[in-house]
């Protein structure tokens, strides 16, 4: 049985105006994760994902690097029990 989780990530640093949401979208869809990514008013990026735990963890490691023009300062993470609310990944 697959170990499914829901996770939230908040990415801080130079992460807005550098294609970060599209970077998250490309990586999350490549990893077959569902959820969404959005900019926050304080300059951070919020991501909620659902899927296999190992793939969610892989996304976390990719978020710590980010796209070439970004400068990721930190990525906070919270894991929850799998909710299964989303059936795709969106940019908001």
PDB file of N, CA and C in Angstrom:
ATOM      1  N   UNK A   1       0.842  -1.193   0.000  1.00  0.00           N
ATOM      2  CA  UNK A   1       0.000   0.000   0.000  1.00  0.00           C
ATOM      3  C   UNK A   1       0.881   1.249   0.000  1.00  0.00           C
ATOM      4  N   UNK A   2       0.496   2.213  -0.822  1.00  0.00           N
ATOM      5  CA  UNK A   2       1.247   3.460  -0.909  1.00  0.00           C
ATOM      6  C   UNK A   2       1.018   4.300   0.347  1.00  0.00           C
ATOM      7  N   UNK A   3       2.070   4.961   0.796  1.00  0.00           N
ATOM      8  CA  UNK A   3       1.994   5.854   1.944  1.00  0.00           C
ATOM      9  C   UNK A   3       1.641   7.245   1.422  1.00  0.00           C
ATOM     10  N   UNK A   4       0.366   7.619   1.524  1.00  0.00           N
ATOM     11  CA  UNK A   4      -0.110   8.890   0.987  1.00  0.00           C
ATOM     12  C   UNK A   4      -0.156   9.952   2.074  1.00  0.00           C
ATOM     13  N   UNK A   5       0.212  11.180   1.710  1.00  0.00           N
ATOM     14  CA  UNK A   5       0.223  12.287   2.661  1.00  0.00           C
ATOM     15  C   UNK A   5      -0.287  13.560   1.984  1.00  0.00           C
ATOM     16  N   UNK A   6      -0.637  14.518   2.813  1.00  0.00           N
ATOM     17  CA  UNK A   6      -0.898  15.890   2.399  1.00  0.00           C
ATOM     18  C   UNK A   6       0.154  16.740   3.085  1.00  0.00           C
ATOM     19  N   UNK A   7       0.740  17.679   2.354  1.00  0.00           N
ATOM     20  CA  UNK A   7       1.790  18.520   2.933  1.00  0.00           C
ATOM     21  C   UNK A   7       1.616  19.963   2.487  1.00  0.00           C
ATOM     22  N   UNK A   8       2.047  20.873   3.357  1.00  0.00           N
ATOM     23  CA  UNK A   8       2.096  22.296   3.043  1.00  0.00           C
ATOM     24  C   UNK A   8       3.547  22.750   3.125  1.00  0.00           C
ATOM     25  N   UNK A   9       3.951  23.556   2.152  1.00  0.00           N
ATOM     26  CA  UNK A   9       5.291  24.136   2.143  1.00  0.00           C
ATOM     27  C   UNK A   9       5.162  25.647   2.001  1.00  0.00           C
ATOM     28  N   UNK A  10       5.943  26.374   2.767  1.00  0.00           N
ATOM     29  CA  UNK A  10       6.050  27.824   2.612  1.00  0.00           C
ATOM     30  C   UNK A  10       7.499  28.125   2.284  1.00  0.00           C
ATOM     31  N   UNK A  11       7.706  28.709   1.113  1.00  0.00           N
ATOM     32  CA  UNK A  11       9.052  28.983   0.620  1.00  0.00           C
ATOM     33  C   UNK A  11       9.321  30.474   0.739  1.00  0.00           C
ATOM     34  N   UNK A  12      10.441  30.825   1.359  1.00  0.00           N
ATOM     35  CA  UNK A  12      10.789  32.242   1.510  1.00  0.00           C
ATOM     36  C   UNK A  12      12.126  32.521   0.847  1.00  0.00           C
ATOM     37  N   UNK A  13      12.353  33.797   0.574  1.00  0.00           N
ATOM     38  CA  UNK A  13      13.550  34.243  -0.125  1.00  0.00           C
ATOM     39  C   UNK A  13      13.121  35.039  -1.348  1.00  0.00           C
ATOM     40  N   UNK A  14      13.959  35.057  -2.368  1.00  0.00           N
ATOM     41  CA  UNK A  14      13.598  35.688  -3.640  1.00  0.00           C
ATOM     42  C   UNK A  14      12.856  34.635  -4.456  1.00  0.00           C
ATOM     43  N   UNK A  15      11.526  34.551  -4.234  1.00  0.00           N
ATOM     44  CA  UNK A  15      10.732  33.485  -4.837  1.00  0.00           C
ATOM     45  C   UNK A  15       9.517  33.996  -5.611  1.00  0.00           C
ATOM     46  N   UNK A  16       9.338  35.300  -5.671  1.00  0.00           N
ATOM     47  CA  UNK A  16       8.265  35.855  -6.492  1.00  0.00           C
ATOM     48  C   UNK A  16       8.889  36.659  -7.621  1.00  0.00           C
ATOM     49  N   UNK A  17       8.266  36.578  -8.800  1.00  0.00           N
ATOM     50  CA  UNK A  17       8.783  37.291  -9.968  1.00  0.00           C
ATOM     51  C   UNK A  17       9.944  36.597 -10.647  1.00  0.00           C
ATOM     52  N   UNK A  18      10.174  35.324 -10.304  1.00  0.00           N
ATOM     53  CA  UNK A  18      11.296  34.569 -10.877  1.00  0.00           C
ATOM     54  C   UNK A  18      10.845  33.231 -11.478  1.00  0.00           C
ATOM     55  N   UNK A  19       9.528  33.061 -11.669  1.00  0.00           N
ATOM     56  CA  UNK A  19       9.012  31.822 -12.240  1.00  0.00           C
ATOM     57  C   UNK A  19       8.887  30.678 -11.261  1.00  0.00           C
ATOM     58  N   UNK A  20       8.835  30.996  -9.974  1.00  0.00           N
ATOM     59  CA  UNK A  20       8.828  29.934  -8.963  1.00  0.00           C
ATOM     60  C   UNK A  20       7.555  29.094  -9.011  1.00  0.00           C
ATOM     61  N   UNK A  21       6.401  29.728  -9.162  1.00  0.00           N
ATOM     62  CA  UNK A  21       5.153  28.955  -9.199  1.00  0.00           C
ATOM     63  C   UNK A  21       5.145  27.991 -10.387  1.00  0.00           C
ATOM     64  N   UNK A  22       5.662  28.429 -11.531  1.00  0.00           N
ATOM     65  CA  UNK A  22       5.717  27.543 -12.697  1.00  0.00           C
ATOM     66  C   UNK A  22       6.715  26.408 -12.476  1.00  0.00           C
ATOM     67  N   UNK A  23       7.792  26.699 -11.775  1.00  0.00           N
ATOM     68  CA  UNK A  23       8.766  25.670 -11.392  1.00  0.00           C
ATOM     69  C   UNK A  23       8.088  24.610 -10.517  1.00  0.00           C
ATOM     70  N   UNK A  24       7.320  25.064  -9.529  1.00  0.00           N
ATOM     71  CA  UNK A  24       6.606  24.133  -8.649  1.00  0.00           C
ATOM     72  C   UNK A  24       5.605  23.314  -9.459  1.00  0.00           C
ATOM     73  N   UNK A  25       4.863  23.986 -10.324  1.00  0.00           N
ATOM     74  CA  UNK A  25       3.869  23.308 -11.157  1.00  0.00           C
ATOM     75  C   UNK A  25       4.512  22.202 -11.995  1.00  0.00           C
ATOM     76  N   UNK A  26       5.589  22.526 -12.683  1.00  0.00           N
ATOM     77  CA  UNK A  26       6.271  21.541 -13.533  1.00  0.00           C
ATOM     78  C   UNK A  26       6.761  20.343 -12.715  1.00  0.00           C
ATOM     79  N   UNK A  27       7.348  20.616 -11.560  1.00  0.00           N
ATOM     80  CA  UNK A  27       7.882  19.528 -10.742  1.00  0.00           C
ATOM     81  C   UNK A  27       6.781  18.708 -10.094  1.00  0.00           C
ATOM     82  N   UNK A  28       5.750  19.358  -9.595  1.00  0.00           N
ATOM     83  CA  UNK A  28       4.653  18.624  -8.952  1.00  0.00           C
ATOM     84  C   UNK A  28       3.919  17.739  -9.954  1.00  0.00           C
ATOM     85  N   UNK A  29       3.660  18.267 -11.144  1.00  0.00           N
ATOM     86  CA  UNK A  29       2.972  17.441 -12.148  1.00  0.00           C
ATOM     87  C   UNK A  29       3.870  16.310 -12.633  1.00  0.00           C
ATOM     88  N   UNK A  30       5.165  16.554 -12.764  1.00  0.00           N
ATOM     89  CA  UNK A  30       6.098  15.488 -13.165  1.00  0.00           C
ATOM     90  C   UNK A  30       6.121  14.375 -12.127  1.00  0.00           C
ATOM     91  N   UNK A  31       5.943  14.733 -10.852  1.00  0.00           N
ATOM     92  CA  UNK A  31       5.936  13.750  -9.769  1.00  0.00           C
ATOM     93  C   UNK A  31       4.535  13.185  -9.511  1.00  0.00           C
ATOM     94  N   UNK A  32       3.563  13.598 -10.333  1.00  0.00           N
ATOM     95  CA  UNK A  32       2.170  13.140 -10.225  1.00  0.00           C
ATOM     96  C   UNK A  32       1.550  13.480  -8.875  1.00  0.00           C
ATOM     97  N   UNK A  33       1.845  14.697  -8.399  1.00  0.00           N
ATOM     98  CA  UNK A  33       1.255  15.191  -7.159  1.00  0.00           C
ATOM     99  C   UNK A  33       0.094  16.119  -7.488  1.00  0.00           C
ATOM    100  N   UNK A  34      -0.855  16.211  -6.586  1.00  0.00           N
ATOM    101  CA  UNK A  34      -2.017  17.080  -6.749  1.00  0.00           C
ATOM    102  C   UNK A  34      -1.976  18.187  -5.708  1.00  0.00           C
ATOM    103  N   UNK A  35      -2.659  19.301  -5.999  1.00  0.00           N
ATOM    104  CA  UNK A  35      -2.732  20.417  -5.068  1.00  0.00           C
ATOM    105  C   UNK A  35      -2.641  21.736  -5.797  1.00  0.00           C
ATOM    106  N   UNK A  36      -1.951  22.699  -5.180  1.00  0.00           N
ATOM    107  CA  UNK A  36      -1.814  24.012  -5.812  1.00  0.00           C
ATOM    108  C   UNK A  36      -0.635  24.774  -5.230  1.00  0.00           C
ATOM    109  N   UNK A  37      -0.263  25.838  -5.942  1.00  0.00           N
ATOM    110  CA  UNK A  37       0.790  26.747  -5.502  1.00  0.00           C
ATOM    111  C   UNK A  37       0.273  28.162  -5.693  1.00  0.00           C
ATOM    112  N   UNK A  38       0.611  29.067  -4.766  1.00  0.00           N
ATOM    113  CA  UNK A  38       0.189  30.462  -4.902  1.00  0.00           C
ATOM    114  C   UNK A  38       1.181  31.380  -4.204  1.00  0.00           C
ATOM    115  N   UNK A  39       1.226  32.628  -4.686  1.00  0.00           N
ATOM    116  CA  UNK A  39       2.022  33.660  -4.032  1.00  0.00           C
ATOM    117  C   UNK A  39       1.285  34.153  -2.797  1.00  0.00           C
ATOM    118  N   UNK A  40       2.042  34.477  -1.758  1.00  0.00           N
ATOM    119  CA  UNK A  40       1.473  35.087  -0.565  1.00  0.00           C
ATOM    120  C   UNK A  40       1.790  36.579  -0.561  1.00  0.00           C
ATOM    121  N   UNK A  41       0.947  37.392   0.080  1.00  0.00           N
ATOM    122  CA  UNK A  41       1.171  38.844   0.089  1.00  0.00           C
ATOM    123  C   UNK A  41       2.506  39.265   0.699  1.00  0.00           C
ATOM    124  N   UNK A  42       3.081  38.446   1.564  1.00  0.00           N
ATOM    125  CA  UNK A  42       4.333  38.795   2.237  1.00  0.00           C
ATOM    126  C   UNK A  42       5.578  38.448   1.416  1.00  0.00           C
ATOM    127  N   UNK A  43       5.399  37.995   0.161  1.00  0.00           N
ATOM    128  CA  UNK A  43       6.533  37.676  -0.695  1.00  0.00           C
ATOM    129  C   UNK A  43       6.933  36.215  -0.699  1.00  0.00           C
ATOM    130  N   UNK A  44       6.270  35.403   0.108  1.00  0.00           N
ATOM    131  CA  UNK A  44       6.551  33.970   0.133  1.00  0.00           C
ATOM    132  C   UNK A  44       5.664  33.238  -0.869  1.00  0.00           C
ATOM    133  N   UNK A  45       5.954  31.959  -1.086  1.00  0.00           N
ATOM    134  CA  UNK A  45       5.144  31.109  -1.944  1.00  0.00           C
ATOM    135  C   UNK A  45       4.619  29.957  -1.096  1.00  0.00           C
ATOM    136  N   UNK A  46       3.320  29.689  -1.230  1.00  0.00           N
ATOM    137  CA  UNK A  46       2.654  28.612  -0.492  1.00  0.00           C
ATOM    138  C   UNK A  46       2.334  27.479  -1.456  1.00  0.00           C
ATOM    139  N   UNK A  47       2.608  26.254  -1.038  1.00  0.00           N
ATOM    140  CA  UNK A  47       2.298  25.076  -1.841  1.00  0.00           C
ATOM    141  C   UNK A  47       1.607  24.040  -0.969  1.00  0.00           C
ATOM    142  N   UNK A  48       0.502  23.504  -1.461  1.00  0.00           N
ATOM    143  CA  UNK A  48      -0.168  22.386  -0.815  1.00  0.00           C
ATOM    144  C   UNK A  48      -0.140  21.229  -1.802  1.00  0.00           C
ATOM    145  N   UNK A  49       0.337  20.084  -1.355  1.00  0.00           N
ATOM    146  CA  UNK A  49       0.427  18.917  -2.238  1.00  0.00           C
ATOM    147  C   UNK A  49      -0.114  17.679  -1.557  1.00  0.00           C
ATOM    148  N   UNK A  50      -0.627  16.773  -2.387  1.00  0.00           N
ATOM    149  CA  UNK A  50      -1.093  15.468  -1.927  1.00  0.00           C
ATOM    150  C   UNK A  50      -0.491  14.410  -2.832  1.00  0.00           C
ATOM    151  N   UNK A  51      -0.120  13.300  -2.238  1.00  0.00           N
ATOM    152  CA  UNK A  51       0.403  12.201  -3.032  1.00  0.00           C
ATOM    153  C   UNK A  51       1.259  11.272  -2.205  1.00  0.00           C
ATOM    154  N   UNK A  52       2.038  10.443  -2.896  1.00  0.00           N
ATOM    155  CA  UNK A  52       2.924   9.505  -2.213  1.00  0.00           C
ATOM    156  C   UNK A  52       3.972  10.257  -1.405  1.00  0.00           C
ATOM    157  N   UNK A  53       4.216   9.789  -0.206  1.00  0.00           N
ATOM    158  CA  UNK A  53       5.141  10.473   0.698  1.00  0.00           C
ATOM    159  C   UNK A  53       6.529  10.633   0.091  1.00  0.00           C
ATOM    160  N   UNK A  54       7.045   9.598  -0.554  1.00  0.00           N
ATOM    161  CA  UNK A  54       8.392   9.701  -1.129  1.00  0.00           C
ATOM    162  C   UNK A  54       8.453  10.760  -2.225  1.00  0.00           C
ATOM    163  N   UNK A  55       7.371  10.921  -2.992  1.00  0.00           N
ATOM    164  CA  UNK A  55       7.352  11.922  -4.056  1.00  0.00           C
ATOM    165  C   UNK A  55       7.159  13.328  -3.497  1.00  0.00           C
ATOM    166  N   UNK A  56       6.376  13.445  -2.435  1.00  0.00           N
ATOM    167  CA  UNK A  56       6.223  14.743  -1.757  1.00  0.00           C
ATOM    168  C   UNK A  56       7.568  15.177  -1.170  1.00  0.00           C
ATOM    169  N   UNK A  57       8.298  14.232  -0.596  1.00  0.00           N
ATOM    170  CA  UNK A  57       9.620  14.551  -0.059  1.00  0.00           C
ATOM    171  C   UNK A  57      10.587  14.949  -1.172  1.00  0.00           C
ATOM    172  N   UNK A  58      10.488  14.313  -2.334  1.00  0.00           N
ATOM    173  CA  UNK A  58      11.321  14.691  -3.481  1.00  0.00           C
ATOM    174  C   UNK A  58      11.004  16.123  -3.907  1.00  0.00           C
ATOM    175  N   UNK A  59       9.724  16.494  -3.917  1.00  0.00           N
ATOM    176  CA  UNK A  59       9.357  17.869  -4.254  1.00  0.00           C
ATOM    177  C   UNK A  59       9.969  18.833  -3.243  1.00  0.00           C
ATOM    178  N   UNK A  60       9.939  18.483  -1.972  1.00  0.00           N
ATOM    179  CA  UNK A  60      10.532  19.327  -0.933  1.00  0.00           C
ATOM    180  C   UNK A  60      12.004  19.620  -1.242  1.00  0.00           C
ATOM    181  N   UNK A  61      12.756  18.611  -1.620  1.00  0.00           N
ATOM    182  CA  UNK A  61      14.179  18.815  -1.936  1.00  0.00           C
ATOM    183  C   UNK A  61      14.358  19.701  -3.164  1.00  0.00           C
ATOM    184  N   UNK A  62      13.464  19.557  -4.137  1.00  0.00           N
ATOM    185  CA  UNK A  62      13.532  20.409  -5.322  1.00  0.00           C
ATOM    186  C   UNK A  62      13.168  21.861  -4.988  1.00  0.00           C
ATOM    187  N   UNK A  63      12.205  22.044  -4.079  1.00  0.00           N
ATOM    188  CA  UNK A  63      11.818  23.394  -3.666  1.00  0.00           C
ATOM    189  C   UNK A  63      12.977  24.118  -2.993  1.00  0.00           C
ATOM    190  N   UNK A  64      13.791  23.388  -2.261  1.00  0.00           N
ATOM    191  CA  UNK A  64      14.939  24.001  -1.575  1.00  0.00           C
ATOM    192  C   UNK A  64      15.954  24.571  -2.564  1.00  0.00           C
ATOM    193  N   UNK A  65      15.965  24.058  -3.784  1.00  0.00           N
ATOM    194  CA  UNK A  65      16.867  24.551  -4.827  1.00  0.00           C
ATOM    195  C   UNK A  65      16.183  25.650  -5.636  1.00  0.00           C
ATOM    196  N   UNK A  66      14.970  25.377  -6.116  1.00  0.00           N
ATOM    197  CA  UNK A  66      14.200  26.353  -6.885  1.00  0.00           C
ATOM    198  C   UNK A  66      14.742  26.553  -8.284  1.00  0.00           C
ATOM    199  N   UNK A  67      14.078  27.417  -9.056  1.00  0.00           N
ATOM    200  CA  UNK A  67      14.558  27.717 -10.412  1.00  0.00           C
ATOM    201  C   UNK A  67      15.810  28.589 -10.359  1.00  0.00           C
ATOM    202  N   UNK A  68      16.481  28.716 -11.464  1.00  0.00           N
ATOM    203  CA  UNK A  68      17.787  29.378 -11.527  1.00  0.00           C
ATOM    204  C   UNK A  68      17.774  30.820 -11.026  1.00  0.00           C
ATOM    205  N   UNK A  69      16.701  31.563 -11.299  1.00  0.00           N
ATOM    206  CA  UNK A  69      16.652  32.979 -10.921  1.00  0.00           C
ATOM    207  C   UNK A  69      16.228  33.200  -9.477  1.00  0.00           C
ATOM    208  N   UNK A  70      15.780  32.150  -8.805  1.00  0.00           N
ATOM    209  CA  UNK A  70      15.321  32.267  -7.413  1.00  0.00           C
ATOM    210  C   UNK A  70      16.489  32.145  -6.442  1.00  0.00           C
ATOM    211  N   UNK A  71      16.260  32.655  -5.248  1.00  0.00           N
ATOM    212  CA  UNK A  71      17.186  32.449  -4.138  1.00  0.00           C
ATOM    213  C   UNK A  71      16.349  32.013  -2.942  1.00  0.00           C
ATOM    214  N   UNK A  72      16.315  30.698  -2.700  1.00  0.00           N
ATOM    215  CA  UNK A  72      15.495  30.146  -1.630  1.00  0.00           C
ATOM    216  C   UNK A  72      16.235  30.293  -0.311  1.00  0.00           C
ATOM    217  N   UNK A  73      15.588  30.967   0.623  1.00  0.00           N
ATOM    218  CA  UNK A  73      16.156  31.163   1.952  1.00  0.00           C
ATOM    219  C   UNK A  73      15.760  30.014   2.877  1.00  0.00           C
ATOM    220  N   UNK A  74      14.468  29.631   2.833  1.00  0.00           N
ATOM    221  CA  UNK A  74      14.007  28.521   3.669  1.00  0.00           C
ATOM    222  C   UNK A  74      12.731  27.924   3.101  1.00  0.00           C
ATOM    223  N   UNK A  75      12.483  26.669   3.480  1.00  0.00           N
ATOM    224  CA  UNK A  75      11.250  25.977   3.123  1.00  0.00           C
ATOM    225  C   UNK A  75      10.719  25.327   4.394  1.00  0.00           C
ATOM    226  N   UNK A  76       9.601  25.853   4.897  1.00  0.00           N
ATOM    227  CA  UNK A  76       8.974  25.214   6.056  1.00  0.00           C
ATOM    228  C   UNK A  76       8.013  24.153   5.546  1.00  0.00           C
ATOM    229  N   UNK A  77       7.822  23.105   6.334  1.00  0.00           N
ATOM    230  CA  UNK A  77       6.978  22.004   5.901  1.00  0.00           C
ATOM    231  C   UNK A  77       6.095  21.515   7.036  1.00  0.00           C
ATOM    232  N   UNK A  78       4.885  21.124   6.683  1.00  0.00           N
ATOM    233  CA  UNK A  78       3.945  20.492   7.618  1.00  0.00           C
ATOM    234  C   UNK A  78       3.302  19.340   6.876  1.00  0.00           C
ATOM    235  N   UNK A  79       3.289  18.177   7.510  1.00  0.00           N
ATOM    236  CA  UNK A  79       2.666  16.997   6.922  1.00  0.00           C
ATOM    237  C   UNK A  79       1.388  16.669   7.673  1.00  0.00           C
ATOM    238  N   UNK A  80       0.390  16.227   6.916  1.00  0.00           N
ATOM    239  CA  UNK A  80      -0.912  15.860   7.476  1.00  0.00           C
ATOM    240  C   UNK A  80      -1.317  14.501   6.923  1.00  0.00           C
ATOM    241  N   UNK A  81      -2.364  13.953   7.492  1.00  0.00           N
ATOM    242  CA  UNK A  81      -2.934  12.741   6.923  1.00  0.00           C
ATOM    243  C   UNK A  81      -3.503  13.048   5.542  1.00  0.00           C
ATOM    244  N   UNK A  82      -3.466  12.065   4.678  1.00  0.00           N
ATOM    245  CA  UNK A  82      -3.927  12.243   3.300  1.00  0.00           C
ATOM    246  C   UNK A  82      -5.402  12.605   3.272  1.00  0.00           C
ATOM    247  N   UNK A  83      -5.734  13.673   2.509  1.00  0.00           N
ATOM    248  CA  UNK A  83      -7.116  14.119   2.415  1.00  0.00           C
ATOM    249  C   UNK A  83      -7.758  13.770   1.075  1.00  0.00           C
ATOM    250  N   UNK A  84      -6.997  13.713   0.007  1.00  0.00           N
ATOM    251  CA  UNK A  84      -7.529  13.336  -1.298  1.00  0.00           C
ATOM    252  C   UNK A  84      -8.522  14.328  -1.883  1.00  0.00           C
ATOM    253  N   UNK A  85      -8.343  15.602  -1.609  1.00  0.00           N
ATOM    254  CA  UNK A  85      -9.282  16.626  -2.065  1.00  0.00           C
ATOM    255  C   UNK A  85      -9.036  17.021  -3.523  1.00  0.00           C
ATOM    256  N   UNK A  86      -7.787  17.029  -3.961  1.00  0.00           N
ATOM    257  CA  UNK A  86      -7.419  17.557  -5.280  1.00  0.00           C
ATOM    258  C   UNK A  86      -7.195  16.425  -6.279  1.00  0.00           C
ATOM    259  N   UNK A  87      -7.551  16.684  -7.536  1.00  0.00           N
ATOM    260  CA  UNK A  87      -7.332  15.680  -8.584  1.00  0.00           C
ATOM    261  C   UNK A  87      -6.410  16.193  -9.691  1.00  0.00           C
ATOM    262  N   UNK A  88      -5.780  17.350  -9.441  1.00  0.00           N
ATOM    263  CA  UNK A  88      -4.809  17.927 -10.373  1.00  0.00           C
ATOM    264  C   UNK A  88      -3.941  18.909  -9.596  1.00  0.00           C
ATOM    265  N   UNK A  89      -3.003  19.530 -10.297  1.00  0.00           N
ATOM    266  CA  UNK A  89      -2.162  20.549  -9.659  1.00  0.00           C
ATOM    267  C   UNK A  89      -2.367  21.859 -10.397  1.00  0.00           C
ATOM    268  N   UNK A  90      -2.617  22.936  -9.639  1.00  0.00           N
ATOM    269  CA  UNK A  90      -2.959  24.231 -10.235  1.00  0.00           C
ATOM    270  C   UNK A  90      -2.064  25.341  -9.706  1.00  0.00           C
ATOM    271  N   UNK A  91      -1.954  26.398 -10.516  1.00  0.00           N
ATOM    272  CA  UNK A  91      -1.334  27.637 -10.088  1.00  0.00           C
ATOM    273  C   UNK A  91      -2.441  28.608  -9.771  1.00  0.00           C
ATOM    274  N   UNK A  92      -2.398  29.211  -8.594  1.00  0.00           N
ATOM    275  CA  UNK A  92      -3.434  30.163  -8.193  1.00  0.00           C
ATOM    276  C   UNK A  92      -2.843  31.554  -8.095  1.00  0.00           C
TER     277      UNK A  92
END
